[in-house]
Amino acid sequence: MRRRIACLVLMACLLLTTGCWNRAELNDLRITVAGGIDRVGDKWEISYQTIIPSSMASGTGGSAGMSSQPAIYVFSMVSDTIFGARMKSNLEASRKLYVAHAKVIVVGREAAERGLGELVDLFLRNSESRETVELLLTDGTAKDLLKKMVPPEKLPGASYSDIMGKESRFISIFPKKTIFDLALSLHSDAKSIGIPVATFVGEDTEENKEKLHSLDVLKETSPPLSLRLTRLGVFSGDRLTGYLSGRESMGLSWLTDQVKGTELSFPCPQAKNKHNSIIITSAKTKLRPVHAGTHYTMLVNVKLNGNLMESTCSKDLSKPEVIREMEKSIEAEVRDQMSTGWDAVRQMGIDVTGYADIIHRSFPKEWRKMQATWPEQFKRMDIQVQVKATIRRPGLIQKTIQLMK
């Protein structure tokens, strides 16, 4: 009797299972690799860079193949809301738009200046979108950037993410930022963030611009225009308010412990017109705020290690005192970069360094009193910098070519 009851219960459980009722076949999806956000008047213009599967099959691994058809298709929709524009894609697309694989969201300048609060709301509210999508700014429109090819890759959207990833790992001038980072900044005390800006550099002619819209540019040995990260867009809240140059942004990376690896050129101790090159293998920035009354000072302690990659000095590198002189030159260069970045952000009056959050955690009672006047307090804030550089490896040869000559 018990066995019969158990069998009936199992059969009832089987009837309750629904299977893959909401499955989506791959052939019914249009996979998006990158998106674009623009403003057209008071409306949102959303662009999608989608994959053409038949063209991808003719190539190998996403690199330039022999197909005469581009591997992407870009289309745009306009609506009052971002999600509304996405739903209007059903008026044009024969397949359901699938955005979970999108790696990058490109933001046009006008949209960035108007504010990205609605974009953050959409990504955090929608279960299909991923908040790990990276952000990239452009001086023009996002739609125009998405339409341009980036040799030698067939998927420009994937190349945007690769460029920012390698930059953050090896250069650290413009660290990559995600939707999640933007959301955190909106709820922080500093309420500011820096996002990389991409620009096409080269001979800016109409003919060259048209070439980047076609597959022919993939067959050229040197493209007429190339995509490059050129500066850092500074946001106050969710609105773009200014820019930092490459050197200013590098100083900001030192000030905020975002240097993972970079190349540093520094002058020879006895010959300022000759330079050496070191690759930073590890760097750590420690921050400690101190205050006297209502005036705050941030103590910045930087320790870095690196390998000497190039030297033009006429010095014997086997001598410890010569290495120490080089280390002092490195420390002076890092301090100068930090000073340049600090002067730029303090002049802007925007706490893109995030120091407000550090002061809040260190002095919670004092923060309640000065929270409303923090922008003015930030402009009067000072920093005290200490840098300790260590050259771990001077290279395979101890004497430079200049000294051997």
Protein backbone atom coordinates (compact mmCIF):
# COMPACT_ATOMS: atom_id res chain seq x y z
CA MET A 1 0.00 0.00 0.00
CA ARG A 2 2.82 2.40 0.85
CA ARG A 3 4.51 1.69 -2.48
CA ARG A 4 1.33 2.59 -4.35
CA ILE A 5 0.99 5.86 -2.45
CA ALA A 6 4.65 6.71 -3.16
CA CYS A 7 4.18 6.00 -6.87
CA LEU A 8 1.07 8.23 -6.97
CA VAL A 9 3.00 11.07 -5.29
CA LEU A 10 5.87 10.74 -7.77
CA MET A 11 3.44 10.78 -10.70
CA ALA A 12 1.80 13.91 -9.30
CA CYS A 13 5.20 15.60 -9.01
CA LEU A 14 5.93 14.78 -12.63
CA LEU A 15 2.72 16.48 -13.69
CA LEU A 16 3.77 19.63 -11.82
CA THR A 17 7.07 19.97 -13.70
CA THR A 18 6.72 22.36 -16.61
CA GLY A 19 9.98 21.71 -18.45
CA CYS A 20 11.64 24.44 -20.54
CA TRP A 21 8.49 26.42 -21.12
CA ASN A 22 10.33 29.74 -21.58
CA ARG A 23 13.25 28.49 -23.65
CA ALA A 24 14.65 30.68 -26.43
CA GLU A 25 16.14 29.02 -29.49
CA LEU A 26 19.46 30.43 -30.65
CA ASN A 27 18.11 30.81 -34.18
CA ASP A 28 15.40 33.12 -32.84
CA LEU A 29 17.80 35.54 -31.14
CA ARG A 30 19.70 38.58 -32.41
CA ILE A 31 22.80 38.75 -30.22
CA THR A 32 24.00 42.22 -29.28
CA VAL A 33 27.73 42.85 -28.71
CA ALA A 34 27.52 46.60 -27.98
CA GLY A 35 24.91 49.27 -27.41
CA GLY A 36 24.80 53.02 -27.85
CA ILE A 37 22.96 55.79 -25.99
CA ASP A 38 22.21 59.17 -27.59
CA ARG A 39 19.79 62.05 -27.06
CA VAL A 40 17.61 63.38 -29.87
CA GLY A 41 15.82 66.39 -28.46
CA ASP A 42 13.91 65.13 -25.41
CA LYS A 43 13.98 61.50 -26.54
CA TRP A 44 16.41 58.63 -26.25
CA GLU A 45 18.01 57.13 -29.33
CA ILE A 46 19.24 53.60 -28.65
CA SER A 47 21.56 51.84 -31.10
CA TYR A 48 22.42 48.16 -31.19
CA GLN A 49 25.44 46.48 -32.76
CA THR A 50 24.30 42.93 -33.50
CA ILE A 51 26.00 39.87 -34.93
CA ILE A 52 25.29 38.44 -38.40
CA PRO A 53 25.85 34.69 -37.80
CA SER A 54 26.32 33.74 -41.46
CA SER A 55 29.17 36.24 -41.82
CA MET A 56 30.83 35.11 -38.61
CA ALA A 57 30.80 31.50 -39.80
CA SER A 58 32.92 32.44 -42.81
CA GLY A 59 35.72 33.86 -40.63
CA THR A 60 37.84 32.37 -37.89
CA GLY A 61 37.56 33.33 -34.24
CA GLY A 62 36.13 36.78 -34.87
CA SER A 63 39.17 37.95 -36.85
CA ALA A 64 39.07 39.25 -40.38
CA GLY A 65 37.92 36.48 -42.68
CA MET A 66 37.23 36.36 -46.39
CA SER A 67 33.52 37.22 -46.17
CA SER A 68 32.41 40.18 -48.24
CA GLN A 69 29.64 40.90 -45.74
CA PRO A 70 30.25 42.73 -42.44
CA ALA A 71 29.87 40.60 -39.33
CA ILE A 72 27.69 43.23 -37.65
CA TYR A 73 24.48 45.09 -38.30
CA VAL A 74 23.72 48.38 -36.53
CA PHE A 75 20.23 49.83 -36.18
CA SER A 76 18.69 52.54 -33.99
CA MET A 77 15.32 53.31 -32.42
CA VAL A 78 13.97 56.47 -30.78
CA SER A 79 11.53 56.60 -27.85
CA ASP A 80 10.70 58.48 -24.66
CA THR A 81 12.41 55.77 -22.57
CA ILE A 82 15.41 53.54 -23.10
CA PHE A 83 13.39 50.35 -22.69
CA GLY A 84 10.72 51.71 -24.98
CA ALA A 85 13.31 52.14 -27.72
CA ARG A 86 14.45 48.57 -27.15
CA MET A 87 10.90 47.24 -27.53
CA LYS A 88 10.48 49.21 -30.75
CA SER A 89 13.30 47.13 -32.19
CA ASN A 90 10.64 44.48 -32.82
CA LEU A 91 9.32 46.73 -35.57
CA GLU A 92 12.55 46.17 -37.54
CA ALA A 93 14.32 43.10 -36.20
CA SER A 94 13.19 39.67 -37.38
CA ARG A 95 14.63 38.09 -34.25
CA LYS A 96 14.28 38.84 -30.55
CA LEU A 97 16.97 41.21 -29.29
CA TYR A 98 19.31 39.50 -26.81
CA VAL A 99 21.45 41.94 -24.80
CA ALA A 100 22.95 39.67 -22.12
CA HIS A 101 26.15 39.27 -24.17
CA ALA A 102 26.68 43.02 -24.70
CA LYS A 103 30.10 44.02 -23.38
CA VAL A 104 30.12 47.79 -23.87
CA ILE A 105 27.65 50.67 -23.78
CA VAL A 106 28.84 53.67 -25.79
CA VAL A 107 27.45 57.00 -24.58
CA GLY A 108 27.24 60.04 -26.84
CA ARG A 109 28.32 63.40 -25.55
CA GLU A 110 24.85 64.98 -25.45
CA ALA A 111 23.40 62.00 -23.59
CA ALA A 112 26.25 62.11 -21.06
CA GLU A 113 25.70 65.82 -20.45
CA ARG A 114 21.95 65.30 -19.96
CA GLY A 115 22.47 62.52 -17.39
CA LEU A 116 22.66 58.72 -17.22
CA GLY A 117 20.41 58.08 -14.23
CA GLU A 118 17.78 56.37 -16.39
CA LEU A 119 20.42 54.08 -17.89
CA VAL A 120 21.53 52.94 -14.43
CA ASP A 121 17.92 52.40 -13.38
CA LEU A 122 17.27 50.18 -16.42
CA PHE A 123 20.30 47.97 -15.86
CA LEU A 124 19.70 47.50 -12.13
CA ARG A 125 15.98 46.88 -12.55
CA ASN A 126 16.09 44.54 -15.55
CA SER A 127 17.16 40.95 -14.82
CA GLU A 128 18.35 40.34 -18.40
CA SER A 129 20.83 43.22 -18.55
CA ARG A 130 24.17 42.87 -16.80
CA GLU A 131 25.56 45.62 -14.61
CA THR A 132 29.11 44.50 -15.48
CA VAL A 133 28.76 46.10 -18.93
CA GLU A 134 31.59 48.59 -19.48
CA LEU A 135 31.01 52.28 -20.24
CA LEU A 136 32.71 54.23 -23.02
CA LEU A 137 32.19 57.89 -23.93
CA THR A 138 32.52 59.48 -27.35
CA ASP A 139 32.72 63.11 -28.40
CA GLY A 140 30.15 62.61 -31.16
CA THR A 141 27.20 60.23 -31.26
CA ALA A 142 27.28 56.64 -30.09
CA LYS A 143 25.40 55.55 -33.20
CA ASP A 144 28.16 56.83 -35.47
CA LEU A 145 30.89 55.11 -33.42
CA LEU A 146 29.10 51.75 -33.49
CA LYS A 147 28.90 51.84 -37.29
CA LYS A 148 32.67 52.15 -37.74
CA MET A 149 34.88 49.09 -38.18
CA VAL A 150 37.95 48.62 -35.97
CA PRO A 151 40.62 46.60 -37.84
CA PRO A 152 41.53 43.81 -37.61
CA GLU A 153 38.50 42.67 -35.61
CA LYS A 154 35.19 41.81 -37.24
CA LEU A 155 33.24 42.69 -34.06
CA PRO A 156 33.97 46.33 -33.13
CA GLY A 157 31.96 46.07 -29.89
CA ALA A 158 34.21 43.28 -28.60
CA SER A 159 37.31 45.28 -29.54
CA TYR A 160 36.12 48.25 -27.45
CA SER A 161 36.07 46.01 -24.38
CA ASP A 162 39.46 44.48 -25.23
CA ILE A 163 41.05 47.92 -25.63
CA MET A 164 39.79 49.11 -22.24
CA GLY A 165 40.75 45.83 -20.55
CA LYS A 166 44.33 45.93 -21.83
CA GLU A 167 44.61 49.64 -21.01
CA SER A 168 43.56 49.07 -17.40
CA ARG A 169 46.01 46.19 -17.04
CA PHE A 170 49.10 47.55 -18.78
CA ILE A 171 48.77 51.37 -18.86
CA SER A 172 46.28 52.40 -16.11
CA ILE A 173 45.77 55.91 -17.50
CA PHE A 174 42.05 55.42 -18.17
CA PRO A 175 40.83 52.56 -15.93
CA LYS A 176 37.65 50.92 -17.23
CA LYS A 177 34.34 51.55 -15.49
CA THR A 178 31.10 49.55 -15.51
CA ILE A 179 27.43 50.31 -14.99
CA PHE A 180 27.84 48.97 -11.46
CA ASP A 181 30.69 51.41 -10.77
CA LEU A 182 28.50 54.27 -11.99
CA ALA A 183 25.67 53.14 -9.72
CA LEU A 184 28.04 52.99 -6.73
CA SER A 185 29.31 56.49 -7.45
CA LEU A 186 25.75 57.87 -7.50
CA HIS A 187 25.21 56.51 -3.97
CA SER A 188 28.63 57.51 -2.62
CA ASP A 189 29.57 60.64 -0.71
CA ALA A 190 31.78 61.90 -3.54
CA LYS A 191 29.10 61.30 -6.23
CA SER A 192 31.67 61.42 -9.02
CA ILE A 193 33.34 59.04 -11.44
CA GLY A 194 35.71 59.14 -14.43
CA ILE A 195 34.86 57.27 -17.64
CA PRO A 196 37.24 56.81 -20.63
CA VAL A 197 36.60 58.73 -23.84
CA ALA A 198 37.25 57.10 -27.24
CA THR A 199 38.12 59.16 -30.30
CA PHE A 200 39.07 58.28 -33.87
CA VAL A 201 42.48 59.78 -34.57
CA GLY A 202 44.15 60.19 -37.94
CA GLU A 203 43.37 62.09 -41.13
CA ASP A 204 39.79 63.16 -40.48
CA THR A 205 38.27 63.39 -43.96
CA GLU A 206 34.87 62.37 -45.25
CA GLU A 207 36.45 59.71 -47.46
CA ASN A 208 38.24 58.12 -44.50
CA LYS A 209 35.09 58.21 -42.41
CA GLU A 210 33.20 56.37 -45.14
CA LYS A 211 35.93 53.72 -45.31
CA LEU A 212 35.43 52.85 -41.64
CA HIS A 213 31.77 52.06 -42.39
CA SER A 214 32.72 49.40 -44.94
CA LEU A 215 34.49 46.06 -44.82
CA ASP A 216 37.22 47.31 -47.19
CA VAL A 217 39.05 48.95 -44.26
CA LEU A 218 39.80 45.47 -42.88
CA LYS A 219 41.89 44.75 -45.99
CA GLU A 220 44.15 47.80 -45.56
CA THR A 221 47.59 47.54 -43.95
CA SER A 222 47.06 50.82 -42.09
CA PRO A 223 43.56 52.22 -41.49
CA PRO A 224 43.08 55.95 -42.18
CA LEU A 225 41.51 56.41 -38.75
CA SER A 226 42.09 54.41 -35.58
CA LEU A 227 40.14 54.22 -32.33
CA ARG A 228 42.07 55.46 -29.31
CA LEU A 229 41.35 56.30 -25.68
CA THR A 230 42.29 59.97 -25.45
CA ARG A 231 40.98 61.48 -22.20
CA LEU A 232 38.81 60.92 -19.14
CA GLY A 233 35.26 62.21 -18.84
CA VAL A 234 34.48 63.45 -15.31
CA PHE A 235 30.93 63.00 -14.02
CA SER A 236 29.34 64.94 -11.19
CA GLY A 237 26.39 62.82 -10.20
CA ASP A 238 25.13 61.29 -13.44
CA ARG A 239 26.10 64.22 -15.69
CA LEU A 240 29.29 64.81 -17.66
CA THR A 241 30.88 68.06 -16.49
CA GLY A 242 34.49 68.08 -17.72
CA TYR A 243 37.53 66.19 -18.95
CA LEU A 244 41.01 65.25 -17.77
CA SER A 245 43.98 64.85 -20.11
CA GLY A 246 46.10 61.71 -20.20
CA ARG A 247 48.71 63.00 -17.76
CA GLU A 248 46.06 64.38 -15.38
CA SER A 249 44.21 61.08 -15.50
CA MET A 250 47.44 59.19 -14.79
CA GLY A 251 47.94 61.33 -11.70
CA LEU A 252 44.39 60.53 -10.66
CA SER A 253 45.11 56.80 -11.02
CA TRP A 254 48.07 57.14 -8.62
CA LEU A 255 45.94 59.13 -6.17
CA THR A 256 43.16 56.52 -6.14
CA ASP A 257 45.20 53.28 -6.13
CA GLN A 258 44.13 52.25 -9.63
CA VAL A 259 47.58 51.62 -11.10
CA LYS A 260 47.90 47.92 -11.94
CA GLY A 261 50.77 48.29 -14.37
CA THR A 262 52.17 51.06 -16.53
CA GLU A 263 55.25 52.35 -18.34
CA LEU A 264 57.05 55.30 -16.83
CA SER A 265 59.63 57.46 -18.60
CA PHE A 266 61.99 59.43 -16.38
CA PRO A 267 65.11 61.57 -17.05
CA CYS A 268 68.64 60.51 -16.31
CA PRO A 269 69.87 61.93 -12.98
CA GLN A 270 72.80 63.81 -14.59
CA ALA A 271 71.36 64.40 -18.08
CA LYS A 272 67.82 65.73 -18.20
CA ASN A 273 67.63 65.48 -21.99
CA LYS A 274 68.08 61.69 -21.87
CA HIS A 275 65.37 59.40 -20.62
CA ASN A 276 64.96 55.90 -19.24
CA SER A 277 61.93 53.63 -19.30
CA ILE A 278 60.63 51.40 -16.54
CA ILE A 279 57.64 49.08 -16.47
CA ILE A 280 55.73 49.13 -13.18
CA THR A 281 55.04 45.56 -12.05
CA SER A 282 53.28 46.41 -8.78
CA ALA A 283 52.01 49.57 -7.13
CA LYS A 284 50.10 50.33 -3.96
CA THR A 285 48.68 53.63 -2.76
CA LYS A 286 47.65 54.02 0.88
CA LEU A 287 45.48 56.96 1.94
CA ARG A 288 45.04 58.44 5.41
CA PRO A 289 43.14 61.67 6.09
CA VAL A 290 44.11 64.07 8.88
CA HIS A 291 42.41 67.29 9.90
CA ALA A 292 43.07 70.38 11.91
CA GLY A 293 39.81 72.15 12.66
CA THR A 294 37.87 72.26 9.40
CA HIS A 295 40.91 71.83 7.15
CA TYR A 296 41.65 68.35 5.82
CA THR A 297 44.83 66.91 4.39
CA MET A 298 45.15 63.55 2.68
CA LEU A 299 48.39 61.66 3.32
CA VAL A 300 49.22 59.68 0.17
CA ASN A 301 51.83 56.95 0.46
CA VAL A 302 52.83 55.22 -2.79
CA LYS A 303 55.09 52.18 -3.06
CA LEU A 304 55.99 50.80 -6.48
CA ASN A 305 58.26 48.17 -7.97
CA GLY A 306 59.42 47.93 -11.54
CA ASN A 307 61.88 46.58 -14.08
CA LEU A 308 64.19 48.79 -16.08
CA MET A 309 63.40 48.31 -19.77
CA GLU A 310 65.52 50.99 -21.47
CA SER A 311 68.38 53.23 -20.42
CA THR A 312 70.28 55.97 -22.23
CA CYS A 313 72.31 57.13 -19.24
CA SER A 314 76.11 56.85 -19.28
CA LYS A 315 76.20 55.21 -15.86
CA ASP A 316 77.26 51.80 -14.59
CA LEU A 317 74.04 50.12 -13.46
CA SER A 318 75.94 47.58 -11.37
CA LYS A 319 76.57 50.28 -8.76
CA PRO A 320 73.83 50.58 -6.08
CA GLU A 321 74.19 54.36 -5.88
CA VAL A 322 73.36 54.67 -9.60
CA ILE A 323 70.20 52.57 -9.15
CA ARG A 324 69.21 54.72 -6.18
CA GLU A 325 69.61 57.90 -8.24
CA MET A 326 67.29 56.42 -10.85
CA GLU A 327 64.77 55.48 -8.18
CA LYS A 328 64.77 59.09 -6.96
CA SER A 329 64.08 60.27 -10.51
CA ILE A 330 61.16 57.83 -10.71
CA GLU A 331 59.77 59.11 -7.42
CA ALA A 332 60.01 62.70 -8.61
CA GLU A 333 58.17 61.84 -11.85
CA VAL A 334 55.35 60.08 -9.98
CA ARG A 335 54.99 63.01 -7.58
CA ASP A 336 54.77 65.40 -10.53
CA GLN A 337 52.05 63.30 -12.17
CA MET A 338 50.07 63.20 -8.94
CA SER A 339 50.43 66.95 -8.47
CA THR A 340 49.18 67.56 -12.03
CA GLY A 341 46.15 65.34 -11.51
CA TRP A 342 45.35 66.82 -8.10
CA ASP A 343 45.51 70.41 -9.34
CA ALA A 344 43.14 69.54 -12.20
CA VAL A 345 40.44 67.86 -10.11
CA ARG A 346 40.64 70.44 -7.31
CA GLN A 347 40.26 73.26 -9.84
CA MET A 348 37.18 71.52 -11.24
CA GLY A 349 35.77 71.22 -7.71
CA ILE A 350 34.63 67.63 -8.35
CA ASP A 351 35.74 64.91 -5.95
CA VAL A 352 36.47 62.27 -8.59
CA THR A 353 39.14 60.94 -6.21
CA GLY A 354 36.43 59.64 -3.86
CA TYR A 355 38.16 61.15 -0.84
CA ALA A 356 34.79 62.13 0.66
CA ASP A 357 34.02 58.48 1.35
CA ILE A 358 37.37 58.00 3.09
CA ILE A 359 36.84 61.05 5.31
CA HIS A 360 33.30 59.90 6.09
CA ARG A 361 34.57 56.51 7.30
CA SER A 362 37.44 58.06 9.28
CA PHE A 363 35.54 60.98 10.85
CA PRO A 364 31.80 60.16 10.83
CA LYS A 365 30.82 62.87 13.34
CA GLU A 366 32.73 65.63 11.59
CA TRP A 367 31.37 64.49 8.22
CA ARG A 368 27.77 65.18 9.27
CA LYS A 369 28.68 68.81 9.87
CA MET A 370 30.59 69.37 6.64
CA GLN A 371 28.64 67.13 4.24
CA ALA A 372 26.59 69.99 2.80
CA THR A 373 29.67 72.11 2.12
CA TRP A 374 31.98 69.36 0.88
CA PRO A 375 32.57 70.83 -2.64
CA GLU A 376 34.00 73.99 -1.04
CA GLN A 377 35.97 71.95 1.48
CA PHE A 378 37.39 69.78 -1.31
CA LYS A 379 38.77 72.82 -3.14
CA ARG A 380 40.68 73.84 0.00
CA MET A 381 41.92 70.34 0.74
CA ASP A 382 45.66 69.53 0.49
CA ILE A 383 47.64 66.37 -0.11
CA GLN A 384 51.02 65.25 1.22
CA VAL A 385 52.70 62.73 -1.04
CA GLN A 386 55.39 60.16 -0.23
CA VAL A 387 56.69 57.89 -2.98
CA LYS A 388 59.02 54.92 -2.59
CA ALA A 389 60.25 53.38 -5.86
CA THR A 390 62.29 50.19 -6.17
CA ILE A 391 63.95 48.89 -9.33
CA ARG A 392 63.80 45.11 -8.95
CA ARG A 393 65.58 44.17 -12.16
CA PRO A 394 67.94 46.48 -14.10
CA GLY A 395 68.01 44.10 -17.09
CA LEU A 396 70.37 41.58 -18.63
CA ILE A 397 73.25 44.04 -19.15
CA GLN A 398 74.78 46.09 -16.35
CA LYS A 399 76.46 48.73 -18.49
CA THR A 400 74.50 50.89 -20.89
CA ILE A 401 75.39 51.15 -24.57
CA GLN A 402 76.46 54.77 -24.00
CA LEU A 403 78.95 53.70 -21.34
CA MET A 404 80.35 50.85 -23.45
CA LYS A 405 80.88 53.23 -26.36
